[in-house]
Amino acid sequence: MSFQQGLNPTARLLILSILILFLALGLIYAWATPVFEASDELWHYPGF
């Protein structure tokens, strides 16, 4: 595959789907987390 051909439609759709899912999950997390209150689950993990 040369650089001039670009991606085939299936690969393009897969990449676009992953990007949209990533952005949607990020927006949901940002909406659900109160302002200035990030997750502190790391500190609840045994050993820390």
N, C-alpha and C. Protein backbone atom coordinates (compact mmCIF):
# COMPACT_ATOMS: atom_id res chain seq x y z
N MET A 1 0.85 -1.17 0.00
CA MET A 1 0.00 0.00 0.00
C MET A 1 0.89 1.24 0.00
N SER A 2 0.68 2.09 -0.94
CA SER A 2 1.45 3.33 -0.99
C SER A 2 0.75 4.40 -0.17
N PHE A 3 1.47 5.46 0.13
CA PHE A 3 0.91 6.53 0.94
C PHE A 3 -0.16 7.31 0.18
N GLN A 4 -0.12 7.27 -1.12
CA GLN A 4 -1.07 8.03 -1.91
C GLN A 4 -2.45 7.37 -1.95
N GLN A 5 -2.52 6.07 -1.74
CA GLN A 5 -3.80 5.38 -1.81
C GLN A 5 -4.67 5.67 -0.59
N GLY A 6 -4.09 5.84 0.56
CA GLY A 6 -4.86 6.05 1.77
C GLY A 6 -5.37 4.74 2.33
N LEU A 7 -6.30 4.83 3.25
CA LEU A 7 -6.84 3.64 3.90
C LEU A 7 -8.06 3.14 3.14
N ASN A 8 -8.29 1.83 3.25
CA ASN A 8 -9.50 1.30 2.63
C ASN A 8 -10.71 1.70 3.48
N PRO A 9 -11.90 1.63 2.94
CA PRO A 9 -13.10 2.09 3.68
C PRO A 9 -13.33 1.35 5.00
N THR A 10 -13.02 0.06 5.06
CA THR A 10 -13.23 -0.69 6.30
C THR A 10 -12.31 -0.18 7.40
N ALA A 11 -11.04 0.02 7.09
CA ALA A 11 -10.09 0.53 8.08
C ALA A 11 -10.46 1.94 8.51
N ARG A 12 -10.89 2.74 7.57
CA ARG A 12 -11.30 4.12 7.88
C ARG A 12 -12.51 4.13 8.82
N LEU A 13 -13.47 3.23 8.57
CA LEU A 13 -14.65 3.13 9.42
C LEU A 13 -14.28 2.65 10.82
N LEU A 14 -13.37 1.69 10.90
CA LEU A 14 -12.93 1.18 12.20
C LEU A 14 -12.24 2.27 13.01
N ILE A 15 -11.34 2.99 12.41
CA ILE A 15 -10.63 4.07 13.10
C ILE A 15 -11.61 5.17 13.54
N LEU A 16 -12.53 5.51 12.68
CA LEU A 16 -13.52 6.53 13.02
C LEU A 16 -14.42 6.06 14.16
N SER A 17 -14.81 4.79 14.16
CA SER A 17 -15.65 4.24 15.22
C SER A 17 -14.93 4.26 16.56
N ILE A 18 -13.66 3.88 16.57
CA ILE A 18 -12.87 3.90 17.80
C ILE A 18 -12.72 5.33 18.31
N LEU A 19 -12.46 6.26 17.43
CA LEU A 19 -12.32 7.67 17.82
C LEU A 19 -13.61 8.21 18.41
N ILE A 20 -14.74 7.92 17.78
CA ILE A 20 -16.02 8.40 18.29
C ILE A 20 -16.34 7.77 19.65
N LEU A 21 -16.06 6.48 19.81
CA LEU A 21 -16.29 5.81 21.09
C LEU A 21 -15.40 6.42 22.18
N PHE A 22 -14.14 6.67 21.86
CA PHE A 22 -13.21 7.28 22.82
C PHE A 22 -13.70 8.66 23.25
N LEU A 23 -14.11 9.47 22.30
CA LEU A 23 -14.60 10.81 22.61
C LEU A 23 -15.89 10.76 23.42
N ALA A 24 -16.79 9.83 23.07
CA ALA A 24 -18.06 9.70 23.79
C ALA A 24 -17.81 9.29 25.24
N LEU A 25 -16.93 8.32 25.45
CA LEU A 25 -16.63 7.89 26.82
C LEU A 25 -15.97 9.02 27.62
N GLY A 26 -15.09 9.77 26.97
CA GLY A 26 -14.46 10.91 27.64
C GLY A 26 -15.47 11.97 28.04
N LEU A 27 -16.42 12.26 27.16
CA LEU A 27 -17.44 13.25 27.48
C LEU A 27 -18.37 12.76 28.59
N ILE A 28 -18.71 11.48 28.57
CA ILE A 28 -19.55 10.93 29.64
C ILE A 28 -18.82 11.02 30.97
N TYR A 29 -17.54 10.67 30.99
CA TYR A 29 -16.76 10.74 32.23
C TYR A 29 -16.67 12.19 32.72
N ALA A 30 -16.42 13.12 31.79
CA ALA A 30 -16.32 14.53 32.17
C ALA A 30 -17.65 15.05 32.70
N TRP A 31 -18.74 14.58 32.15
CA TRP A 31 -20.06 15.02 32.60
C TRP A 31 -20.40 14.42 33.97
N ALA A 32 -20.01 13.16 34.19
CA ALA A 32 -20.38 12.45 35.42
C ALA A 32 -19.49 12.81 36.61
N THR A 33 -18.27 13.26 36.36
CA THR A 33 -17.36 13.60 37.45
C THR A 33 -17.57 15.05 37.86
N PRO A 34 -17.83 15.28 39.14
CA PRO A 34 -18.01 16.67 39.58
C PRO A 34 -16.74 17.50 39.34
N VAL A 35 -16.93 18.78 39.17
CA VAL A 35 -15.81 19.67 38.90
C VAL A 35 -14.82 19.62 40.07
N PHE A 36 -13.55 19.54 39.76
CA PHE A 36 -12.44 19.49 40.71
C PHE A 36 -12.45 18.24 41.60
N GLU A 37 -13.18 17.20 41.20
CA GLU A 37 -13.20 15.97 41.97
C GLU A 37 -12.90 14.78 41.05
N ALA A 38 -11.66 14.59 40.75
CA ALA A 38 -11.25 13.47 39.90
C ALA A 38 -11.33 12.17 40.69
N SER A 39 -11.28 11.07 39.99
CA SER A 39 -11.36 9.76 40.62
C SER A 39 -10.18 9.55 41.57
N ASP A 40 -10.45 8.93 42.73
CA ASP A 40 -9.38 8.62 43.68
C ASP A 40 -9.28 7.11 43.90
N GLU A 41 -9.74 6.34 42.92
CA GLU A 41 -9.73 4.89 43.06
C GLU A 41 -8.31 4.33 43.21
N LEU A 42 -7.33 5.00 42.67
CA LEU A 42 -5.95 4.53 42.80
C LEU A 42 -5.55 4.41 44.25
N TRP A 43 -6.00 5.30 45.10
CA TRP A 43 -5.61 5.30 46.51
C TRP A 43 -6.37 4.25 47.33
N HIS A 44 -7.43 3.68 46.76
CA HIS A 44 -8.16 2.61 47.43
C HIS A 44 -7.60 1.24 47.09
N TYR A 45 -6.69 1.17 46.15
CA TYR A 45 -6.12 -0.10 45.72
C TYR A 45 -5.15 -0.61 46.79
N PRO A 46 -5.24 -1.89 47.16
CA PRO A 46 -4.35 -2.43 48.22
C PRO A 46 -2.87 -2.25 47.86
N GLY A 47 -2.12 -1.81 48.79
CA GLY A 47 -0.69 -1.65 48.59
C GLY A 47 -0.24 -0.22 48.44
N PHE A 48 -1.18 0.70 48.36
CA PHE A 48 -0.80 2.10 48.24
C PHE A 48 -1.07 2.84 49.51
